[in-house]
Amino acid sequence: MSKKKKSSALAATSDRLFGIDVSHHQGAIDWAKVKAAGVNYCFMKASEGSTYKDSRFDFNW
C-alpha cells in the first residue's frame, strides 16, 4: 500500500459569497434591497415535483 499525501480541495481564502433562497414563503421581495444588502446569489424555488409551480416564481425571476 503506497502512502499518499492528503490534500484539501479547498483553499484558504478570505473571500466570501452571501446567498439566499426564496420562494412564495417570503412574499414580495424588494430586489433592490437584496442587492444593497450585499447578496451575491439567490436560489429560487421553481417547482415541487412535476405539477406544482411556486406561485411567486414568475415575479422573482
PDB file of N, CA and C in Angstrom:
ATOM      1  N   MET A   1       0.843  -1.161   0.000  1.00  0.00           N
ATOM      2  CA  MET A   1       0.000   0.000   0.000  1.00  0.00           C
ATOM      3  C   MET A   1       0.899   1.238   0.000  1.00  0.00           C
ATOM      4  N   SER A   2       0.696   2.108  -0.973  1.00  0.00           N
ATOM      5  CA  SER A   2       1.522   3.317  -1.043  1.00  0.00           C
ATOM      6  C   SER A   2       0.973   4.391  -0.113  1.00  0.00           C
ATOM      7  N   LYS A   3       1.877   5.215   0.340  1.00  0.00           N
ATOM      8  CA  LYS A   3       1.466   6.320   1.207  1.00  0.00           C
ATOM      9  C   LYS A   3       1.307   7.560   0.349  1.00  0.00           C
ATOM     10  N   LYS A   4       0.100   8.100   0.357  1.00  0.00           N
ATOM     11  CA  LYS A   4      -0.173   9.299  -0.424  1.00  0.00           C
ATOM     12  C   LYS A   4      -0.387  10.465   0.523  1.00  0.00           C
ATOM     13  N   LYS A   5       0.111  11.596   0.113  1.00  0.00           N
ATOM     14  CA  LYS A   5      -0.075  12.804   0.901  1.00  0.00           C
ATOM     15  C   LYS A   5      -1.521  13.269   0.738  1.00  0.00           C
ATOM     16  N   LYS A   6      -2.180  13.521   1.848  1.00  0.00           N
ATOM     17  CA  LYS A   6      -3.550  14.022   1.797  1.00  0.00           C
ATOM     18  C   LYS A   6      -3.526  15.502   1.443  1.00  0.00           C
ATOM     19  N   SER A   7      -4.461  15.900   0.619  1.00  0.00           N
ATOM     20  CA  SER A   7      -4.570  17.317   0.270  1.00  0.00           C
ATOM     21  C   SER A   7      -6.023  17.739   0.372  1.00  0.00           C
ATOM     22  N   SER A   8      -6.205  19.009   0.508  1.00  0.00           N
ATOM     23  CA  SER A   8      -7.550  19.555   0.631  1.00  0.00           C
ATOM     24  C   SER A   8      -7.979  20.151  -0.705  1.00  0.00           C
ATOM     25  N   ALA A   9      -9.224  19.957  -1.051  1.00  0.00           N
ATOM     26  CA  ALA A   9      -9.754  20.529  -2.283  1.00  0.00           C
ATOM     27  C   ALA A   9     -10.101  22.002  -2.106  1.00  0.00           C
ATOM     28  N   LEU A  10     -10.133  22.451  -0.881  1.00  0.00           N
ATOM     29  CA  LEU A  10     -10.477  23.841  -0.597  1.00  0.00           C
ATOM     30  C   LEU A  10      -9.230  24.631  -0.251  1.00  0.00           C
ATOM     31  N   ALA A  11      -9.136  25.806  -0.799  1.00  0.00           N
ATOM     32  CA  ALA A  11      -8.012  26.686  -0.476  1.00  0.00           C
ATOM     33  C   ALA A  11      -8.472  27.711   0.546  1.00  0.00           C
ATOM     34  N   ALA A  12      -7.591  28.089   1.428  1.00  0.00           N
ATOM     35  CA  ALA A  12      -7.926  29.110   2.420  1.00  0.00           C
ATOM     36  C   ALA A  12      -8.081  30.448   1.713  1.00  0.00           C
ATOM     37  N   THR A  13      -9.149  31.147   2.003  1.00  0.00           N
ATOM     38  CA  THR A  13      -9.404  32.447   1.390  1.00  0.00           C
ATOM     39  C   THR A  13     -10.263  33.289   2.309  1.00  0.00           C
ATOM     40  N   SER A  14     -10.139  34.567   2.158  1.00  0.00           N
ATOM     41  CA  SER A  14     -10.985  35.460   2.948  1.00  0.00           C
ATOM     42  C   SER A  14     -12.197  35.904   2.147  1.00  0.00           C
ATOM     43  N   ASP A  15     -12.242  35.552   0.874  1.00  0.00           N
ATOM     44  CA  ASP A  15     -13.378  35.913   0.031  1.00  0.00           C
ATOM     45  C   ASP A  15     -14.589  35.078   0.413  1.00  0.00           C
ATOM     46  N   ARG A  16     -15.709  35.722   0.497  1.00  0.00           N
ATOM     47  CA  ARG A  16     -16.956  35.031   0.853  1.00  0.00           C
ATOM     48  C   ARG A  16     -18.054  35.451  -0.114  1.00  0.00           C
ATOM     49  N   LEU A  17     -18.966  34.550  -0.350  1.00  0.00           N
ATOM     50  CA  LEU A  17     -20.171  34.855  -1.107  1.00  0.00           C
ATOM     51  C   LEU A  17     -21.351  34.716  -0.174  1.00  0.00           C
ATOM     52  N   PHE A  18     -22.317  35.580  -0.343  1.00  0.00           N
ATOM     53  CA  PHE A  18     -23.505  35.591   0.503  1.00  0.00           C
ATOM     54  C   PHE A  18     -24.710  35.340  -0.386  1.00  0.00           C
ATOM     55  N   GLY A  19     -25.462  34.284  -0.096  1.00  0.00           N
ATOM     56  CA  GLY A  19     -26.610  33.942  -0.909  1.00  0.00           C
ATOM     57  C   GLY A  19     -27.851  33.698  -0.086  1.00  0.00           C
ATOM     58  N   ILE A  20     -28.984  33.720  -0.758  1.00  0.00           N
ATOM     59  CA  ILE A  20     -30.277  33.482  -0.112  1.00  0.00           C
ATOM     60  C   ILE A  20     -31.064  32.476  -0.949  1.00  0.00           C
ATOM     61  N   ASP A  21     -32.090  31.909  -0.341  1.00  0.00           N
ATOM     62  CA  ASP A  21     -33.050  31.129  -1.113  1.00  0.00           C
ATOM     63  C   ASP A  21     -34.419  31.741  -0.891  1.00  0.00           C
ATOM     64  N   VAL A  22     -35.216  31.762  -1.956  1.00  0.00           N
ATOM     65  CA  VAL A  22     -36.529  32.395  -1.884  1.00  0.00           C
ATOM     66  C   VAL A  22     -37.591  31.497  -2.500  1.00  0.00           C
ATOM     67  N   SER A  23     -38.806  31.712  -2.029  1.00  0.00           N
ATOM     68  CA  SER A  23     -39.980  31.030  -2.565  1.00  0.00           C
ATOM     69  C   SER A  23     -41.193  31.882  -2.206  1.00  0.00           C
ATOM     70  N   HIS A  24     -42.372  31.337  -2.420  1.00  0.00           N
ATOM     71  CA  HIS A  24     -43.591  32.066  -2.078  1.00  0.00           C
ATOM     72  C   HIS A  24     -43.673  32.381  -0.588  1.00  0.00           C
ATOM     73  N   HIS A  25     -42.931  31.660   0.230  1.00  0.00           N
ATOM     74  CA  HIS A  25     -42.962  31.888   1.678  1.00  0.00           C
ATOM     75  C   HIS A  25     -42.459  33.282   2.055  1.00  0.00           C
ATOM     76  N   GLN A  26     -41.577  33.874   1.246  1.00  0.00           N
ATOM     77  CA  GLN A  26     -41.054  35.201   1.546  1.00  0.00           C
ATOM     78  C   GLN A  26     -41.961  36.319   1.026  1.00  0.00           C
ATOM     79  N   GLY A  27     -42.951  35.989   0.233  1.00  0.00           N
ATOM     80  CA  GLY A  27     -43.841  37.015  -0.307  1.00  0.00           C
ATOM     81  C   GLY A  27     -43.125  37.875  -1.336  1.00  0.00           C
ATOM     82  N   ALA A  28     -43.577  39.142  -1.454  1.00  0.00           N
ATOM     83  CA  ALA A  28     -42.963  40.068  -2.408  1.00  0.00           C
ATOM     84  C   ALA A  28     -41.560  40.434  -1.925  1.00  0.00           C
ATOM     85  N   ILE A  29     -40.604  40.397  -2.827  1.00  0.00           N
ATOM     86  CA  ILE A  29     -39.206  40.663  -2.483  1.00  0.00           C
ATOM     87  C   ILE A  29     -38.770  41.966  -3.126  1.00  0.00           C
ATOM     88  N   ASP A  30     -38.165  42.828  -2.345  1.00  0.00           N
ATOM     89  CA  ASP A  30     -37.599  44.079  -2.848  1.00  0.00           C
ATOM     90  C   ASP A  30     -36.167  43.775  -3.282  1.00  0.00           C
ATOM     91  N   TRP A  31     -35.979  43.505  -4.574  1.00  0.00           N
ATOM     92  CA  TRP A  31     -34.680  43.063  -5.073  1.00  0.00           C
ATOM     93  C   TRP A  31     -33.619  44.151  -4.962  1.00  0.00           C
ATOM     94  N   ALA A  32     -34.013  45.413  -4.983  1.00  0.00           N
ATOM     95  CA  ALA A  32     -33.039  46.496  -4.782  1.00  0.00           C
ATOM     96  C   ALA A  32     -32.455  46.417  -3.370  1.00  0.00           C
ATOM     97  N   LYS A  33     -33.296  46.118  -2.389  1.00  0.00           N
ATOM     98  CA  LYS A  33     -32.811  45.970  -1.008  1.00  0.00           C
ATOM     99  C   LYS A  33     -31.930  44.732  -0.870  1.00  0.00           C
ATOM    100  N   VAL A  34     -32.293  43.672  -1.564  1.00  0.00           N
ATOM    101  CA  VAL A  34     -31.481  42.448  -1.529  1.00  0.00           C
ATOM    102  C   VAL A  34     -30.082  42.752  -2.062  1.00  0.00           C
ATOM    103  N   LYS A  35     -30.014  43.447  -3.189  1.00  0.00           N
ATOM    104  CA  LYS A  35     -28.719  43.806  -3.775  1.00  0.00           C
ATOM    105  C   LYS A  35     -27.935  44.718  -2.835  1.00  0.00           C
ATOM    106  N   ALA A  36     -28.615  45.710  -2.257  1.00  0.00           N
ATOM    107  CA  ALA A  36     -27.955  46.650  -1.343  1.00  0.00           C
ATOM    108  C   ALA A  36     -27.418  45.949  -0.097  1.00  0.00           C
ATOM    109  N   ALA A  37     -28.025  44.829   0.275  1.00  0.00           N
ATOM    110  CA  ALA A  37     -27.584  44.072   1.451  1.00  0.00           C
ATOM    111  C   ALA A  37     -26.333  43.245   1.160  1.00  0.00           C
ATOM    112  N   GLY A  38     -25.898  43.243  -0.101  1.00  0.00           N
ATOM    113  CA  GLY A  38     -24.672  42.532  -0.443  1.00  0.00           C
ATOM    114  C   GLY A  38     -24.862  41.088  -0.849  1.00  0.00           C
ATOM    115  N   VAL A  39     -26.080  40.715  -1.189  1.00  0.00           N
ATOM    116  CA  VAL A  39     -26.341  39.336  -1.614  1.00  0.00           C
ATOM    117  C   VAL A  39     -25.711  39.115  -2.987  1.00  0.00           C
ATOM    118  N   ASN A  40     -24.943  38.032  -3.120  1.00  0.00           N
ATOM    119  CA  ASN A  40     -24.253  37.711  -4.365  1.00  0.00           C
ATOM    120  C   ASN A  40     -25.029  36.760  -5.267  1.00  0.00           C
ATOM    121  N   TYR A  41     -25.869  35.921  -4.675  1.00  0.00           N
ATOM    122  CA  TYR A  41     -26.614  34.958  -5.484  1.00  0.00           C
ATOM    123  C   TYR A  41     -27.892  34.557  -4.766  1.00  0.00           C
ATOM    124  N   CYS A  42     -28.780  33.933  -5.538  1.00  0.00           N
ATOM    125  CA  CYS A  42     -30.070  33.525  -4.988  1.00  0.00           C
ATOM    126  C   CYS A  42     -30.483  32.198  -5.610  1.00  0.00           C
ATOM    127  N   PHE A  43     -30.966  31.304  -4.775  1.00  0.00           N
ATOM    128  CA  PHE A  43     -31.632  30.094  -5.241  1.00  0.00           C
ATOM    129  C   PHE A  43     -33.124  30.366  -5.167  1.00  0.00           C
ATOM    130  N   MET A  44     -33.838  30.095  -6.261  1.00  0.00           N
ATOM    131  CA  MET A  44     -35.284  30.312  -6.287  1.00  0.00           C
ATOM    132  C   MET A  44     -36.005  28.989  -6.433  1.00  0.00           C
ATOM    133  N   LYS A  45     -37.016  28.836  -5.600  1.00  0.00           N
ATOM    134  CA  LYS A  45     -37.855  27.648  -5.747  1.00  0.00           C
ATOM    135  C   LYS A  45     -38.710  27.850  -6.991  1.00  0.00           C
ATOM    136  N   ALA A  46     -38.666  26.904  -7.886  1.00  0.00           N
ATOM    137  CA  ALA A  46     -39.459  26.975  -9.104  1.00  0.00           C
ATOM    138  C   ALA A  46     -40.632  26.001  -9.053  1.00  0.00           C
ATOM    139  N   SER A  47     -40.392  24.811  -8.516  1.00  0.00           N
ATOM    140  CA  SER A  47     -41.430  23.783  -8.549  1.00  0.00           C
ATOM    141  C   SER A  47     -41.205  22.757  -7.458  1.00  0.00           C
ATOM    142  N   GLU A  48     -42.197  21.903  -7.348  1.00  0.00           N
ATOM    143  CA  GLU A  48     -42.132  20.711  -6.493  1.00  0.00           C
ATOM    144  C   GLU A  48     -42.722  19.590  -7.319  1.00  0.00           C
ATOM    145  N   GLY A  49     -41.921  18.634  -7.656  1.00  0.00           N
ATOM    146  CA  GLY A  49     -42.434  17.559  -8.491  1.00  0.00           C
ATOM    147  C   GLY A  49     -42.749  18.058  -9.890  1.00  0.00           C
ATOM    148  N   SER A  50     -43.681  17.415 -10.555  1.00  0.00           N
ATOM    149  CA  SER A  50     -43.988  17.781 -11.939  1.00  0.00           C
ATOM    150  C   SER A  50     -45.268  18.587 -12.089  1.00  0.00           C
ATOM    151  N   THR A  51     -45.995  18.822 -10.993  1.00  0.00           N
ATOM    152  CA  THR A  51     -47.283  19.502 -11.129  1.00  0.00           C
ATOM    153  C   THR A  51     -47.375  20.837 -10.397  1.00  0.00           C
ATOM    154  N   TYR A  52     -46.496  21.107  -9.436  1.00  0.00           N
ATOM    155  CA  TYR A  52     -46.598  22.335  -8.646  1.00  0.00           C
ATOM    156  C   TYR A  52     -45.576  23.356  -9.112  1.00  0.00           C
ATOM    157  N   LYS A  53     -46.040  24.571  -9.410  1.00  0.00           N
ATOM    158  CA  LYS A  53     -45.144  25.684  -9.729  1.00  0.00           C
ATOM    159  C   LYS A  53     -45.266  26.701  -8.609  1.00  0.00           C
ATOM    160  N   ASP A  54     -44.133  27.156  -8.064  1.00  0.00           N
ATOM    161  CA  ASP A  54     -44.154  28.139  -6.992  1.00  0.00           C
ATOM    162  C   ASP A  54     -44.885  29.394  -7.474  1.00  0.00           C
ATOM    163  N   SER A  55     -45.844  29.861  -6.698  1.00  0.00           N
ATOM    164  CA  SER A  55     -46.697  30.976  -7.104  1.00  0.00           C
ATOM    165  C   SER A  55     -45.953  32.296  -7.249  1.00  0.00           C
ATOM    166  N   ARG A  56     -44.779  32.452  -6.665  1.00  0.00           N
ATOM    167  CA  ARG A  56     -44.006  33.693  -6.773  1.00  0.00           C
ATOM    168  C   ARG A  56     -42.846  33.575  -7.771  1.00  0.00           C
ATOM    169  N   PHE A  57     -42.687  32.437  -8.403  1.00  0.00           N
ATOM    170  CA  PHE A  57     -41.528  32.246  -9.274  1.00  0.00           C
ATOM    171  C   PHE A  57     -41.464  33.272 -10.397  1.00  0.00           C
ATOM    172  N   ASP A  58     -42.561  33.495 -11.112  1.00  0.00           N
ATOM    173  CA  ASP A  58     -42.542  34.446 -12.232  1.00  0.00           C
ATOM    174  C   ASP A  58     -42.183  35.854 -11.766  1.00  0.00           C
ATOM    175  N   PHE A  59     -42.662  36.265 -10.594  1.00  0.00           N
ATOM    176  CA  PHE A  59     -42.341  37.594 -10.059  1.00  0.00           C
ATOM    177  C   PHE A  59     -40.874  37.671  -9.649  1.00  0.00           C
ATOM    178  N   ASN A  60     -40.371  36.591  -9.062  1.00  0.00           N
ATOM    179  CA  ASN A  60     -38.997  36.597  -8.569  1.00  0.00           C
ATOM    180  C   ASN A  60     -37.972  36.444  -9.682  1.00  0.00           C
ATOM    181  N   TRP A  61     -38.359  35.794 -10.774  1.00  0.00           N
ATOM    182  CA  TRP A  61     -37.417  35.544 -11.851  1.00  0.00           C
ATOM    183  C   TRP A  61     -37.117  36.841 -12.550  1.00  0.00           C
TER     184      TRP A  61
END
